[in-house]
Amino acid sequence: MTSDKSYETEQRHGALVTQLGTGAYPNTDGNSYDLTRLTLVLGSNFSIVHTTPDTIFTKPVGAGVYEVKVWAVTQNVTAADAAGFAFAFTGTATGLVDYETISGTGPGVVNYTAASTPTQQFNGQAITGNQKLEVNLTLVVTVAGTLSFTGKQLVGGNNVTVFAGSRMRICRVVAT
């Protein structure tokens, strides 16, 4: 038997879920996608060990407009070599990406202008030590696919670590 207070709370919660929905929405491709914000978080350090892209984060997305943000802390093995980062997408999409790296040992903050394509590669700073990478992407998807955030060595042999706790957030933008 439940107490009156817990029963009342459960009833209000049920009504709220019914009103707001669970976040899933059907798409024209026959699949359902999650309408709510999704944050992917690295549970352990990730090593970029190839000169071809290594996938750091990946998630399928349906047709629509998304705001994507990546926050990552990276460390280069040597000062002369940085990593190249990019989004990859298997469907059809357009969008703008802008990014910056922040370091306490390099030139401080390096800002990059918005690229005209969502898959434009950009490079971290060529420094020894840690740097914060912040990436913003507005993605307009017309054909569903898988969105990935990748990193690669610019010079072979220079492993780059992406630290645990780095994250990618995907939010569907709904016009009002």
Protein backbone atom coordinates (compact mmCIF):
# COMPACT_ATOMS: atom_id res chain seq x y z
CA MET A 1 0.00 0.00 0.00
CA THR A 2 1.39 3.41 -0.92
CA SER A 3 1.08 6.52 1.17
CA ASP A 4 -1.26 9.25 -0.02
CA LYS A 5 1.66 11.61 -0.61
CA SER A 6 3.68 9.19 -2.77
CA TYR A 7 0.53 8.21 -4.73
CA GLU A 8 -0.23 11.88 -5.38
CA THR A 9 3.36 12.52 -6.52
CA GLU A 10 3.21 9.49 -8.83
CA GLN A 11 -0.05 10.72 -10.36
CA ARG A 12 1.37 14.20 -11.01
CA HIS A 13 4.54 12.71 -12.53
CA GLY A 14 2.45 10.43 -14.78
CA ALA A 15 0.36 13.37 -15.96
CA LEU A 16 3.50 15.41 -16.70
CA VAL A 17 5.07 12.60 -18.76
CA THR A 18 1.79 12.22 -20.65
CA GLN A 19 1.72 15.96 -21.34
CA LEU A 20 5.37 16.37 -22.35
CA GLY A 21 5.99 12.96 -23.91
CA THR A 22 9.05 10.81 -23.54
CA GLY A 23 11.07 12.67 -26.17
CA ALA A 24 10.79 10.09 -28.97
CA TYR A 25 9.43 11.29 -32.29
CA PRO A 26 8.76 9.43 -35.54
CA ASN A 27 10.76 10.36 -38.61
CA THR A 28 10.07 10.08 -42.33
CA ASP A 29 12.74 7.36 -42.63
CA GLY A 30 10.57 4.99 -40.55
CA ASN A 31 12.72 5.20 -37.42
CA SER A 32 12.09 7.02 -34.16
CA TYR A 33 14.72 9.33 -32.71
CA ASP A 34 15.14 10.91 -29.31
CA LEU A 35 13.98 14.54 -29.26
CA THR A 36 15.61 15.29 -25.91
CA ARG A 37 19.14 16.54 -25.31
CA LEU A 38 21.75 13.81 -25.37
CA THR A 39 25.20 14.09 -23.83
CA LEU A 40 27.85 11.48 -24.59
CA VAL A 41 30.69 11.37 -22.04
CA LEU A 42 34.02 9.55 -22.33
CA GLY A 43 34.26 7.12 -19.43
CA SER A 44 38.01 6.64 -19.86
CA ASN A 45 40.89 8.31 -21.69
CA PHE A 46 40.86 7.91 -25.49
CA SER A 47 44.12 7.71 -27.48
CA ILE A 48 44.32 9.06 -31.02
CA VAL A 49 46.90 6.70 -32.54
CA HIS A 50 46.36 6.85 -36.31
CA THR A 51 46.91 9.33 -39.14
CA THR A 52 43.42 8.41 -40.35
CA PRO A 53 40.41 9.51 -38.25
CA ASP A 54 39.71 7.67 -34.98
CA THR A 55 36.07 7.98 -33.85
CA ILE A 56 35.79 9.61 -30.42
CA PHE A 57 31.99 10.05 -30.26
CA THR A 58 29.21 8.70 -32.52
CA LYS A 59 25.41 8.83 -32.56
CA PRO A 60 22.67 8.32 -35.22
CA VAL A 61 20.49 11.36 -35.89
CA GLY A 62 17.32 11.84 -37.96
CA ALA A 63 16.29 14.64 -40.27
CA GLY A 64 16.08 17.99 -38.48
CA VAL A 65 18.20 20.82 -37.11
CA TYR A 66 20.67 20.13 -34.30
CA GLU A 67 22.97 22.13 -32.08
CA VAL A 68 26.05 20.04 -31.32
CA LYS A 69 28.75 21.00 -28.84
CA VAL A 70 31.99 19.19 -27.98
CA TRP A 71 34.12 19.95 -24.94
CA ALA A 72 37.38 18.02 -24.75
CA VAL A 73 40.66 18.22 -22.88
CA THR A 74 43.56 16.87 -24.91
CA GLN A 75 47.28 16.35 -24.44
CA ASN A 76 49.89 16.17 -27.20
CA VAL A 77 52.94 13.92 -26.84
CA THR A 78 55.27 16.43 -28.53
CA ALA A 79 55.10 20.20 -28.95
CA ALA A 80 55.59 20.15 -32.72
CA ASP A 81 52.57 18.01 -33.50
CA ALA A 82 48.88 18.62 -32.96
CA ALA A 83 45.83 16.53 -33.75
CA GLY A 84 43.31 17.13 -36.51
CA PHE A 85 39.65 17.01 -35.47
CA ALA A 86 36.49 16.87 -37.58
CA PHE A 87 32.87 15.81 -37.63
CA ALA A 88 31.86 13.04 -40.02
CA PHE A 89 28.31 12.32 -41.17
CA THR A 90 26.98 9.36 -43.16
CA GLY A 91 23.71 11.02 -44.24
CA THR A 92 23.12 14.33 -45.98
CA ALA A 93 23.59 17.55 -44.03
CA THR A 94 24.77 21.14 -44.20
CA GLY A 95 25.91 23.38 -41.41
CA LEU A 96 28.50 25.64 -39.87
CA VAL A 97 31.17 24.65 -37.39
CA ASP A 98 33.32 26.97 -35.28
CA TYR A 99 35.91 26.05 -32.72
CA GLU A 100 38.59 27.29 -30.39
CA THR A 101 41.45 25.83 -28.40
CA ILE A 102 42.51 27.19 -25.04
CA SER A 103 45.91 26.55 -23.50
CA GLY A 104 47.86 27.81 -20.53
CA THR A 105 51.22 27.11 -22.19
CA GLY A 106 50.67 28.01 -25.85
CA PRO A 107 49.29 31.13 -27.47
CA GLY A 108 46.35 31.15 -25.04
CA VAL A 109 43.09 31.14 -26.97
CA VAL A 110 43.08 30.35 -30.67
CA ASN A 111 39.78 31.10 -32.41
CA TYR A 112 38.85 29.75 -35.79
CA THR A 113 36.30 31.20 -38.17
CA ALA A 114 33.21 29.20 -39.03
CA ALA A 115 33.74 26.60 -41.74
CA SER A 116 31.16 26.38 -44.49
CA THR A 117 30.88 22.61 -44.22
CA PRO A 118 30.19 20.54 -41.08
CA THR A 119 33.01 18.11 -41.92
CA GLN A 120 35.80 20.72 -42.18
CA GLN A 121 38.97 19.52 -40.38
CA PHE A 122 40.59 21.82 -37.85
CA ASN A 123 43.76 21.39 -35.83
CA GLY A 124 44.56 21.70 -32.15
CA GLN A 125 47.50 23.78 -31.01
CA ALA A 126 51.00 22.37 -31.54
CA ILE A 127 52.05 22.52 -27.88
CA THR A 128 53.23 20.14 -25.20
CA GLY A 129 50.68 19.87 -22.44
CA ASN A 130 46.95 20.09 -22.02
CA GLN A 131 44.54 22.18 -24.00
CA LYS A 132 40.79 22.59 -23.95
CA LEU A 133 38.96 22.17 -27.22
CA GLU A 134 35.47 23.64 -27.65
CA VAL A 135 33.54 22.99 -30.87
CA ASN A 136 30.10 24.27 -31.90
CA LEU A 137 28.16 22.84 -34.82
CA THR A 138 24.77 23.75 -36.22
CA LEU A 139 23.76 20.76 -38.32
CA VAL A 140 20.83 20.71 -40.75
CA VAL A 141 20.12 17.06 -41.58
CA THR A 142 18.00 16.27 -44.64
CA VAL A 143 18.78 12.53 -44.80
CA ALA A 144 19.32 10.64 -41.51
CA GLY A 145 22.75 9.23 -40.75
CA THR A 146 25.38 8.78 -38.08
CA LEU A 147 27.18 11.82 -36.70
CA SER A 148 30.72 11.23 -35.44
CA PHE A 149 33.43 13.40 -33.91
CA THR A 150 36.89 12.19 -34.92
CA GLY A 151 40.54 12.90 -34.25
CA LYS A 152 43.70 11.94 -36.11
CA GLN A 153 47.43 12.39 -35.81
CA LEU A 154 48.82 15.05 -38.12
CA VAL A 155 52.26 13.42 -37.85
CA GLY A 156 52.56 9.66 -37.35
CA GLY A 157 53.85 8.58 -33.94
CA ASN A 158 52.48 11.55 -32.02
CA ASN A 159 49.75 10.03 -29.90
CA VAL A 160 47.21 12.49 -28.55
CA THR A 161 45.12 11.72 -25.48
CA VAL A 162 41.50 12.88 -25.13
CA PHE A 163 40.78 12.76 -21.40
CA ALA A 164 37.90 11.00 -19.67
CA GLY A 165 35.03 13.37 -18.97
CA SER A 166 35.25 14.98 -22.42
CA ARG A 167 31.77 15.20 -23.92
CA MET A 168 29.60 15.76 -26.97
CA ARG A 169 26.08 17.18 -26.51
CA ILE A 170 23.43 16.93 -29.24
CA CYS A 171 20.25 19.02 -28.97
CA ARG A 172 17.47 19.01 -31.52
CA VAL A 173 16.40 22.56 -32.35
CA VAL A 174 12.65 23.01 -32.62
CA ALA A 175 11.29 26.10 -34.37
CA THR A 176 8.78 28.09 -32.37
